[in-house]
Amino acid sequence: MNNFVLFGNPIKHSKSPYIHNFFSNQINIKYFYYLYEILDTNDFEPNFINFFLQNGNNGANITIPFKERAFNLCNLLTENAKLSESVNTIKKNSNGEIIGENTDGLGLLYDLKRLNFIKNNINKVLIIGSGGASKGIIPSLIKNKCNILLTNRTIDKSENIKNMFYKKNIYIDVMPYDKIYNYNFDIVINSTSSGIDNKIPNISEKIVNSKTKYYDLFYDTKNETPFIKWCKSNGAKFVSDGLGMLICQAAFSCLFWHNKMPNPINLINKFYEKD
């Protein structure tokens, strides 16, 4: 068997099994992918360990709220994982060692380029939310000439992330929602999970204009996300949810597991054709 799972909670809405079934056929490598919902978050570590003790269980994706906890369970880490101190992709090598990677930033960057949301020169980026999702995308954005302002309802979490990256020679600025005074951003990224509860971050509509690009890491294949609706209602012209990032980071996960990169554009187009 060649089994892979997605650990998380909630994950019933996830499109990842469909995505990886598509990629399995595209790269002509048979692997099985299914959801592994952790109903009691205290059970994550024993379930994770037991899964990888079984023969044929070769890899996993990790989503909220376990990315940072999974980081601490890995024997080996890639550069992306070390920088972000969180993992979303894991594989077991031939020695039984657990290797952690983070493909979130790679997937986001791929999708931003697909959308022509990101420029070749310096990009001013506002990231809303200071959780594990923001940690995963910051290193890739910095490598791609982005100046980042990280904002959160409370400043403590943002300061912790700023200090974590400072020790790795990665420099970002931080500011609470109500202290932002310069609204001239090239890209605004919502990395909060507020969309799950049909909410938006409590941030000023002054961040919205007709020139800035707005990207929500959350996605909904049936409706616009609350953040995207809010941006458009306040005059945004360039918006996208995180479906493209989801598919692109999954493609990089596939590359990490199987050393073959599927074409995510084919599947992104397929999803939007369905819509």
C-alpha atoms as a PDB file:
ATOM      1  CA  MET A   1       0.000   0.000   0.000  1.00  0.00           C
ATOM      2  CA  ASN A   2       1.002   3.618  -0.554  1.00  0.00           C
ATOM      3  CA  ASN A   3      -1.124   5.561   1.924  1.00  0.00           C
ATOM      4  CA  PHE A   4      -1.245   9.298   2.592  1.00  0.00           C
ATOM      5  CA  VAL A   5      -3.625  11.228   4.834  1.00  0.00           C
ATOM      6  CA  LEU A   6      -4.657  14.716   5.839  1.00  0.00           C
ATOM      7  CA  PHE A   7      -4.570  15.356   9.601  1.00  0.00           C
ATOM      8  CA  GLY A   8      -6.689  18.254  10.836  1.00  0.00           C
ATOM      9  CA  ASN A   9      -9.908  19.536  12.371  1.00  0.00           C
ATOM     10  CA  PRO A  10     -12.232  20.520  10.747  1.00  0.00           C
ATOM     11  CA  ILE A  11     -11.508  18.795   7.440  1.00  0.00           C
ATOM     12  CA  LYS A  12     -14.836  17.358   6.271  1.00  0.00           C
ATOM     13  CA  HIS A  13     -15.026  20.135   3.651  1.00  0.00           C
ATOM     14  CA  SER A  14     -11.546  19.348   2.290  1.00  0.00           C
ATOM     15  CA  LYS A  15     -11.015  18.812  -1.430  1.00  0.00           C
ATOM     16  CA  SER A  16      -7.585  17.246  -0.865  1.00  0.00           C
ATOM     17  CA  PRO A  17      -8.623  13.605  -1.584  1.00  0.00           C
ATOM     18  CA  TYR A  18     -10.078  14.681  -4.938  1.00  0.00           C
ATOM     19  CA  ILE A  19      -6.963  16.738  -5.715  1.00  0.00           C
ATOM     20  CA  HIS A  20      -4.540  13.924  -4.936  1.00  0.00           C
ATOM     21  CA  ASN A  21      -6.586  11.351  -6.802  1.00  0.00           C
ATOM     22  CA  PHE A  22      -6.310  13.652  -9.826  1.00  0.00           C
ATOM     23  CA  PHE A  23      -2.547  14.061  -9.332  1.00  0.00           C
ATOM     24  CA  SER A  24      -2.079  10.303  -8.825  1.00  0.00           C
ATOM     25  CA  ASN A  25      -3.571   9.680 -12.247  1.00  0.00           C
ATOM     26  CA  GLN A  26      -1.687  12.580 -13.823  1.00  0.00           C
ATOM     27  CA  ILE A  27       1.785  11.464 -12.702  1.00  0.00           C
ATOM     28  CA  ASN A  28       0.899   7.782 -13.125  1.00  0.00           C
ATOM     29  CA  ILE A  29       1.855   6.821  -9.561  1.00  0.00           C
ATOM     30  CA  LYS A  30      -0.829   4.990  -7.608  1.00  0.00           C
ATOM     31  CA  TYR A  31      -1.269   6.315  -4.082  1.00  0.00           C
ATOM     32  CA  PHE A  32      -4.245   6.428  -1.736  1.00  0.00           C
ATOM     33  CA  TYR A  33      -5.208   9.626   0.061  1.00  0.00           C
ATOM     34  CA  TYR A  34      -7.875  10.014   2.719  1.00  0.00           C
ATOM     35  CA  LEU A  35      -8.986  12.280   5.550  1.00  0.00           C
ATOM     36  CA  TYR A  36      -7.900  11.635   9.138  1.00  0.00           C
ATOM     37  CA  GLU A  37      -9.933  14.009  11.300  1.00  0.00           C
ATOM     38  CA  ILE A  38      -8.695  14.420  14.876  1.00  0.00           C
ATOM     39  CA  LEU A  39     -11.898  15.082  16.826  1.00  0.00           C
ATOM     40  CA  ASP A  40     -10.115  15.600  20.151  1.00  0.00           C
ATOM     41  CA  THR A  41      -7.085  17.812  19.546  1.00  0.00           C
ATOM     42  CA  ASN A  42      -5.285  16.133  22.467  1.00  0.00           C
ATOM     43  CA  ASP A  43      -5.198  12.941  20.397  1.00  0.00           C
ATOM     44  CA  PHE A  44      -3.093  14.365  17.567  1.00  0.00           C
ATOM     45  CA  GLU A  45       0.351  13.205  18.680  1.00  0.00           C
ATOM     46  CA  PRO A  46      -0.547   9.543  19.437  1.00  0.00           C
ATOM     47  CA  ASN A  47      -2.584   9.250  16.217  1.00  0.00           C
ATOM     48  CA  PHE A  48       0.253  10.784  14.205  1.00  0.00           C
ATOM     49  CA  ILE A  49       2.842   8.419  15.705  1.00  0.00           C
ATOM     50  CA  ASN A  50       0.626   5.341  15.314  1.00  0.00           C
ATOM     51  CA  PHE A  51      -0.078   6.175  11.686  1.00  0.00           C
ATOM     52  CA  PHE A  52       3.590   6.312  10.736  1.00  0.00           C
ATOM     53  CA  LEU A  53       4.378   3.104  12.648  1.00  0.00           C
ATOM     54  CA  GLN A  54       2.228   1.178  10.171  1.00  0.00           C
ATOM     55  CA  ASN A  55       3.830  -0.263   7.047  1.00  0.00           C
ATOM     56  CA  GLY A  56       2.552   1.372   3.868  1.00  0.00           C
ATOM     57  CA  ASN A  57       1.688   4.660   5.558  1.00  0.00           C
ATOM     58  CA  ASN A  58       4.231   6.831   3.806  1.00  0.00           C
ATOM     59  CA  GLY A  59       3.194  10.470   4.156  1.00  0.00           C
ATOM     60  CA  ALA A  60       0.727  13.066   5.307  1.00  0.00           C
ATOM     61  CA  ASN A  61      -0.490  16.595   4.978  1.00  0.00           C
ATOM     62  CA  ILE A  62      -1.149  18.651   8.090  1.00  0.00           C
ATOM     63  CA  THR A  63      -3.692  21.438   8.360  1.00  0.00           C
ATOM     64  CA  ILE A  64      -5.183  23.539  11.149  1.00  0.00           C
ATOM     65  CA  PRO A  65      -4.636  23.402  14.044  1.00  0.00           C
ATOM     66  CA  PHE A  66      -1.678  20.992  14.003  1.00  0.00           C
ATOM     67  CA  LYS A  67       1.044  22.457  11.755  1.00  0.00           C
ATOM     68  CA  GLU A  68       3.222  23.733  14.582  1.00  0.00           C
ATOM     69  CA  ARG A  69       2.733  20.618  16.700  1.00  0.00           C
ATOM     70  CA  ALA A  70       3.673  18.385  13.754  1.00  0.00           C
ATOM     71  CA  PHE A  71       6.893  20.375  13.386  1.00  0.00           C
ATOM     72  CA  ASN A  72       8.001  19.061  16.782  1.00  0.00           C
ATOM     73  CA  LEU A  73       7.343  15.427  15.810  1.00  0.00           C
ATOM     74  CA  CYS A  74       9.697  15.322  12.821  1.00  0.00           C
ATOM     75  CA  ASN A  75      13.140  13.710  12.840  1.00  0.00           C
ATOM     76  CA  LEU A  76      14.379  15.779   9.895  1.00  0.00           C
ATOM     77  CA  LEU A  77      13.263  19.134   8.464  1.00  0.00           C
ATOM     78  CA  THR A  78      13.619  20.930   5.143  1.00  0.00           C
ATOM     79  CA  GLU A  79      14.791  24.542   4.950  1.00  0.00           C
ATOM     80  CA  ASN A  80      11.196  25.760   4.475  1.00  0.00           C
ATOM     81  CA  ALA A  81      10.066  23.890   7.581  1.00  0.00           C
ATOM     82  CA  LYS A  82      12.985  25.147   9.666  1.00  0.00           C
ATOM     83  CA  LEU A  83      12.334  28.750   8.671  1.00  0.00           C
ATOM     84  CA  SER A  84       8.582  28.654   9.318  1.00  0.00           C
ATOM     85  CA  GLU A  85       8.718  26.298  12.340  1.00  0.00           C
ATOM     86  CA  SER A  86       5.594  24.630  11.003  1.00  0.00           C
ATOM     87  CA  VAL A  87       4.967  21.770   8.576  1.00  0.00           C
ATOM     88  CA  ASN A  88       2.120  20.916   6.251  1.00  0.00           C
ATOM     89  CA  THR A  89       3.752  17.981   4.414  1.00  0.00           C
ATOM     90  CA  ILE A  90       5.463  14.911   5.838  1.00  0.00           C
ATOM     91  CA  LYS A  91       7.031  11.784   4.434  1.00  0.00           C
ATOM     92  CA  LYS A  92       8.648   8.696   5.924  1.00  0.00           C
ATOM     93  CA  ASN A  93      11.989   7.751   4.393  1.00  0.00           C
ATOM     94  CA  SER A  94      13.450   4.256   3.925  1.00  0.00           C
ATOM     95  CA  ASN A  95      15.022   4.432   7.398  1.00  0.00           C
ATOM     96  CA  GLY A  96      11.664   5.156   9.004  1.00  0.00           C
ATOM     97  CA  GLU A  97      12.592   8.777   9.735  1.00  0.00           C
ATOM     98  CA  ILE A  98       9.857  11.414   9.561  1.00  0.00           C
ATOM     99  CA  ILE A  99      10.780  14.372   7.336  1.00  0.00           C
ATOM    100  CA  GLY A 100       8.827  17.631   7.598  1.00  0.00           C
ATOM    101  CA  GLU A 101       8.337  20.163   4.794  1.00  0.00           C
ATOM    102  CA  ASN A 102       6.199  23.264   4.356  1.00  0.00           C
ATOM    103  CA  THR A 103       4.798  23.764   0.854  1.00  0.00           C
ATOM    104  CA  ASP A 104       2.318  26.527   1.757  1.00  0.00           C
ATOM    105  CA  GLY A 105       4.571  29.381   0.682  1.00  0.00           C
ATOM    106  CA  LEU A 106       5.556  27.595  -2.526  1.00  0.00           C
ATOM    107  CA  GLY A 107       1.900  27.022  -3.360  1.00  0.00           C
ATOM    108  CA  LEU A 108       0.879  30.598  -2.590  1.00  0.00           C
ATOM    109  CA  LEU A 109       3.705  32.071  -4.665  1.00  0.00           C
ATOM    110  CA  TYR A 110       2.861  29.813  -7.618  1.00  0.00           C
ATOM    111  CA  ASP A 111      -0.768  30.937  -7.499  1.00  0.00           C
ATOM    112  CA  LEU A 112       0.039  34.639  -7.067  1.00  0.00           C
ATOM    113  CA  LYS A 113       2.195  34.413 -10.199  1.00  0.00           C
ATOM    114  CA  ARG A 114      -0.557  32.559 -12.063  1.00  0.00           C
ATOM    115  CA  LEU A 115      -2.957  35.391 -11.198  1.00  0.00           C
ATOM    116  CA  ASN A 116      -0.406  38.123 -12.046  1.00  0.00           C
ATOM    117  CA  PHE A 117      -0.902  39.411  -8.508  1.00  0.00           C
ATOM    118  CA  ILE A 118       2.796  39.710  -7.748  1.00  0.00           C
ATOM    119  CA  LYS A 119       5.340  41.995  -9.427  1.00  0.00           C
ATOM    120  CA  ASN A 120       8.935  41.206 -10.353  1.00  0.00           C
ATOM    121  CA  ASN A 121      10.190  44.139  -8.316  1.00  0.00           C
ATOM    122  CA  ILE A 122       9.458  45.011  -4.663  1.00  0.00           C
ATOM    123  CA  ASN A 123       5.963  44.130  -3.424  1.00  0.00           C
ATOM    124  CA  LYS A 124       4.396  45.722  -0.340  1.00  0.00           C
ATOM    125  CA  VAL A 125       2.350  42.992   1.331  1.00  0.00           C
ATOM    126  CA  LEU A 126      -0.051  43.176   4.254  1.00  0.00           C
ATOM    127  CA  ILE A 127      -0.701  39.825   5.944  1.00  0.00           C
ATOM    128  CA  ILE A 128      -3.742  39.715   8.212  1.00  0.00           C
ATOM    129  CA  GLY A 129      -3.463  37.138  10.990  1.00  0.00           C
ATOM    130  CA  SER A 130      -0.550  35.822  13.036  1.00  0.00           C
ATOM    131  CA  GLY A 131      -1.134  32.091  13.201  1.00  0.00           C
ATOM    132  CA  GLY A 132       0.592  29.083  11.703  1.00  0.00           C
ATOM    133  CA  ALA A 133      -0.654  29.947   8.213  1.00  0.00           C
ATOM    134  CA  SER A 134       1.194  33.260   8.151  1.00  0.00           C
ATOM    135  CA  LYS A 135       4.401  31.624   9.404  1.00  0.00           C
ATOM    136  CA  GLY A 136       4.243  29.152   6.539  1.00  0.00           C
ATOM    137  CA  ILE A 137       4.019  31.752   3.769  1.00  0.00           C
ATOM    138  CA  ILE A 138       6.368  34.497   4.998  1.00  0.00           C
ATOM    139  CA  PRO A 139       9.736  32.904   3.993  1.00  0.00           C
ATOM    140  CA  SER A 140       8.668  32.346   0.363  1.00  0.00           C
ATOM    141  CA  LEU A 141       7.283  35.885   0.085  1.00  0.00           C
ATOM    142  CA  ILE A 142      10.467  37.398   1.511  1.00  0.00           C
ATOM    143  CA  LYS A 143      12.564  35.408  -0.993  1.00  0.00           C
ATOM    144  CA  ASN A 144      10.396  36.910  -3.741  1.00  0.00           C
ATOM    145  CA  LYS A 145      11.169  40.558  -2.888  1.00  0.00           C
ATOM    146  CA  CYS A 146       8.189  41.232  -0.625  1.00  0.00           C
ATOM    147  CA  ASN A 147       8.228  43.786   2.175  1.00  0.00           C
ATOM    148  CA  ILE A 148       5.810  42.411   4.766  1.00  0.00           C
ATOM    149  CA  LEU A 149       3.640  44.101   7.359  1.00  0.00           C
ATOM    150  CA  LEU A 150       2.042  41.523   9.635  1.00  0.00           C
ATOM    151  CA  THR A 151      -1.077  42.618  11.482  1.00  0.00           C
ATOM    152  CA  ASN A 152      -3.251  40.976  14.092  1.00  0.00           C
ATOM    153  CA  ARG A 153      -6.019  41.935  16.481  1.00  0.00           C
ATOM    154  CA  THR A 154      -3.507  41.693  19.319  1.00  0.00           C
ATOM    155  CA  ILE A 155       0.146  42.527  18.798  1.00  0.00           C
ATOM    156  CA  ASP A 156       1.742  39.830  20.980  1.00  0.00           C
ATOM    157  CA  LYS A 157       1.399  37.008  18.439  1.00  0.00           C
ATOM    158  CA  SER A 158       2.756  39.222  15.662  1.00  0.00           C
ATOM    159  CA  GLU A 159       5.729  40.247  17.780  1.00  0.00           C
ATOM    160  CA  ASN A 160       6.494  36.590  18.548  1.00  0.00           C
ATOM    161  CA  ILE A 161       6.539  35.768  14.827  1.00  0.00           C
ATOM    162  CA  LYS A 162       8.643  38.846  14.061  1.00  0.00           C
ATOM    163  CA  ASN A 163      11.188  37.821  16.713  1.00  0.00           C
ATOM    164  CA  MET A 164      11.231  34.220  15.481  1.00  0.00           C
ATOM    165  CA  PHE A 165      12.073  35.325  11.944  1.00  0.00           C
ATOM    166  CA  TYR A 166      14.533  37.990  13.129  1.00  0.00           C
ATOM    167  CA  LYS A 167      16.678  35.210  14.598  1.00  0.00           C
ATOM    168  CA  LYS A 168      16.770  33.661  11.124  1.00  0.00           C
ATOM    169  CA  ASN A 169      17.737  36.968   9.433  1.00  0.00           C
ATOM    170  CA  ILE A 170      14.254  37.435   8.008  1.00  0.00           C
ATOM    171  CA  TYR A 171      12.856  40.893   8.699  1.00  0.00           C
ATOM    172  CA  ILE A 172       9.194  41.880   8.818  1.00  0.00           C
ATOM    173  CA  ASP A 173       7.216  44.720  10.381  1.00  0.00           C
ATOM    174  CA  VAL A 174       4.241  44.257  12.680  1.00  0.00           C
ATOM    175  CA  MET A 175       1.297  46.417  13.699  1.00  0.00           C
ATOM    176  CA  PRO A 176      -2.127  45.862  15.318  1.00  0.00           C
ATOM    177  CA  TYR A 177      -5.251  46.348  13.198  1.00  0.00           C
ATOM    178  CA  ASP A 178      -6.118  49.734  14.629  1.00  0.00           C
ATOM    179  CA  LYS A 179      -2.650  51.271  14.168  1.00  0.00           C
ATOM    180  CA  ILE A 180      -2.266  50.831  10.403  1.00  0.00           C
ATOM    181  CA  TYR A 181      -1.979  54.292   8.870  1.00  0.00           C
ATOM    182  CA  ASN A 182      -0.453  53.668   5.415  1.00  0.00           C
ATOM    183  CA  TYR A 183      -2.910  51.764   3.204  1.00  0.00           C
ATOM    184  CA  ASN A 184      -0.783  51.671   0.042  1.00  0.00           C
ATOM    185  CA  PHE A 185      -0.235  47.907  -0.370  1.00  0.00           C
ATOM    186  CA  ASP A 186       0.338  45.862  -3.523  1.00  0.00           C
ATOM    187  CA  ILE A 187      -1.136  42.704  -2.018  1.00  0.00           C
ATOM    188  CA  VAL A 188      -3.325  42.051   1.035  1.00  0.00           C
ATOM    189  CA  ILE A 189      -3.452  38.437   2.250  1.00  0.00           C
ATOM    190  CA  ASN A 190      -6.016  37.191   4.752  1.00  0.00           C
ATOM    191  CA  SER A 191      -4.352  34.315   6.598  1.00  0.00           C
ATOM    192  CA  THR A 192      -6.945  34.100   9.397  1.00  0.00           C
ATOM    193  CA  SER A 193      -9.404  31.226   9.678  1.00  0.00           C
ATOM    194  CA  SER A 194     -12.313  33.633  10.183  1.00  0.00           C
ATOM    195  CA  GLY A 195     -14.004  32.385   7.019  1.00  0.00           C
ATOM    196  CA  ILE A 196     -14.683  29.011   8.639  1.00  0.00           C
ATOM    197  CA  ASP A 197     -17.098  30.803  10.982  1.00  0.00           C
ATOM    198  CA  ASN A 198     -18.463  33.002   8.170  1.00  0.00           C
ATOM    199  CA  LYS A 199     -16.707  36.044   9.614  1.00  0.00           C
ATOM    200  CA  ILE A 200     -14.111  38.581   8.478  1.00  0.00           C
ATOM    201  CA  PRO A 201     -11.154  40.092  10.369  1.00  0.00           C
ATOM    202  CA  ASN A 202     -12.109  43.220  12.302  1.00  0.00           C
ATOM    203  CA  ILE A 203      -9.939  45.522  10.206  1.00  0.00           C
ATOM    204  CA  SER A 204     -10.637  48.922   8.622  1.00  0.00           C
ATOM    205  CA  GLU A 205     -12.167  49.037   5.142  1.00  0.00           C
ATOM    206  CA  LYS A 206      -9.528  51.678   4.365  1.00  0.00           C
ATOM    207  CA  ILE A 207      -7.180  48.846   3.344  1.00  0.00           C
ATOM    208  CA  VAL A 208      -9.447  48.233   0.325  1.00  0.00           C
ATOM    209  CA  ASN A 209      -9.074  50.036  -3.020  1.00  0.00           C
ATOM    210  CA  SER A 210      -9.368  49.286  -6.715  1.00  0.00           C
ATOM    211  CA  LYS A 211      -5.637  48.753  -7.386  1.00  0.00           C
ATOM    212  CA  THR A 212      -4.503  46.428  -4.598  1.00  0.00           C
ATOM    213  CA  LYS A 213      -4.742  42.636  -5.026  1.00  0.00           C
ATOM    214  CA  TYR A 214      -6.642  40.742  -2.310  1.00  0.00           C
ATOM    215  CA  TYR A 215      -6.025  37.065  -1.558  1.00  0.00           C
ATOM    216  CA  ASP A 216      -7.873  34.941   1.002  1.00  0.00           C
ATOM    217  CA  LEU A 217      -6.111  31.744   2.079  1.00  0.00           C
ATOM    218  CA  PHE A 218      -9.546  30.347   2.925  1.00  0.00           C
ATOM    219  CA  TYR A 219     -11.590  28.946   0.052  1.00  0.00           C
ATOM    220  CA  ASP A 220     -15.162  27.967  -0.692  1.00  0.00           C
ATOM    221  CA  THR A 221     -15.899  26.107  -3.930  1.00  0.00           C
ATOM    222  CA  LYS A 222     -19.586  27.074  -3.840  1.00  0.00           C
ATOM    223  CA  ASN A 223     -19.584  30.710  -2.708  1.00  0.00           C
ATOM    224  CA  GLU A 224     -17.284  33.689  -2.377  1.00  0.00           C
ATOM    225  CA  THR A 225     -15.555  33.765   0.991  1.00  0.00           C
ATOM    226  CA  PRO A 226     -16.724  36.391   3.507  1.00  0.00           C
ATOM    227  CA  PHE A 227     -13.405  38.250   3.131  1.00  0.00           C
ATOM    228  CA  ILE A 228     -13.662  38.354  -0.678  1.00  0.00           C
ATOM    229  CA  LYS A 229     -17.283  39.553  -0.486  1.00  0.00           C
ATOM    230  CA  TRP A 230     -16.232  42.293   1.940  1.00  0.00           C
ATOM    231  CA  CYS A 231     -13.325  43.396  -0.262  1.00  0.00           C
ATOM    232  CA  LYS A 232     -15.522  43.600  -3.369  1.00  0.00           C
ATOM    233  CA  SER A 233     -18.244  45.502  -1.506  1.00  0.00           C
ATOM    234  CA  ASN A 234     -15.607  48.090  -0.589  1.00  0.00           C
ATOM    235  CA  GLY A 235     -14.300  48.579  -4.130  1.00  0.00           C
ATOM    236  CA  ALA A 236     -11.728  45.815  -4.718  1.00  0.00           C
ATOM    237  CA  LYS A 237     -11.288  44.800  -8.363  1.00  0.00           C
ATOM    238  CA  PHE A 238      -8.626  42.077  -8.028  1.00  0.00           C
ATOM    239  CA  VAL A 239      -9.575  39.260  -5.663  1.00  0.00           C
ATOM    240  CA  SER A 240      -8.987  35.534  -5.238  1.00  0.00           C
ATOM    241  CA  ASP A 241      -9.697  32.885  -2.658  1.00  0.00           C
ATOM    242  CA  GLY A 242      -7.190  30.206  -1.699  1.00  0.00           C
ATOM    243  CA  LEU A 243      -8.355  27.343  -3.917  1.00  0.00           C
ATOM    244  CA  GLY A 244      -5.425  27.869  -6.283  1.00  0.00           C
ATOM    245  CA  MET A 245      -2.973  27.875  -3.390  1.00  0.00           C
ATOM    246  CA  LEU A 246      -4.541  24.687  -2.016  1.00  0.00           C
ATOM    247  CA  ILE A 247      -4.043  22.924  -5.344  1.00  0.00           C
ATOM    248  CA  CYS A 248      -0.533  24.316  -5.883  1.00  0.00           C
ATOM    249  CA  GLN A 249       0.722  23.416  -2.405  1.00  0.00           C
ATOM    250  CA  ALA A 250      -0.717  19.931  -2.953  1.00  0.00           C
ATOM    251  CA  ALA A 251       1.283  19.701  -6.186  1.00  0.00           C
ATOM    252  CA  PHE A 252       4.469  20.564  -4.273  1.00  0.00           C
ATOM    253  CA  SER A 253       3.519  17.963  -1.640  1.00  0.00           C
ATOM    254  CA  CYS A 254       3.217  15.423  -4.451  1.00  0.00           C
ATOM    255  CA  LEU A 255       6.672  16.435  -5.691  1.00  0.00           C
ATOM    256  CA  PHE A 256       8.082  15.994  -2.165  1.00  0.00           C
ATOM    257  CA  TRP A 257       6.580  12.507  -1.837  1.00  0.00           C
ATOM    258  CA  HIS A 258       7.097  11.115  -5.338  1.00  0.00           C
ATOM    259  CA  ASN A 259       9.749  13.297  -7.023  1.00  0.00           C
ATOM    260  CA  LYS A 260       7.290  14.117  -9.796  1.00  0.00           C
ATOM    261  CA  MET A 261       5.599  17.502 -10.144  1.00  0.00           C
ATOM    262  CA  PRO A 262       2.010  17.432 -11.412  1.00  0.00           C
ATOM    263  CA  ASN A 263       0.540  20.319 -13.392  1.00  0.00           C
ATOM    264  CA  PRO A 264      -1.704  22.244 -10.969  1.00  0.00           C
ATOM    265  CA  ILE A 265      -3.061  24.582 -13.668  1.00  0.00           C
ATOM    266  CA  ASN A 266      -5.033  21.749 -15.273  1.00  0.00           C
ATOM    267  CA  LEU A 267      -6.844  21.043 -12.022  1.00  0.00           C
ATOM    268  CA  ILE A 268      -7.409  24.716 -11.146  1.00  0.00           C
ATOM    269  CA  ASN A 269      -9.064  25.189 -14.533  1.00  0.00           C
ATOM    270  CA  LYS A 270     -11.138  22.051 -13.967  1.00  0.00           C
ATOM    271  CA  PHE A 271     -12.470  23.411 -10.647  1.00  0.00           C
ATOM    272  CA  TYR A 272     -13.393  26.768 -12.148  1.00  0.00           C
ATOM    273  CA  GLU A 273     -15.073  25.082 -15.106  1.00  0.00           C
ATOM    274  CA  LYS A 274     -17.241  23.207 -12.581  1.00  0.00           C
ATOM    275  CA  ASP A 275     -18.193  26.538 -11.012  1.00  0.00           C
END
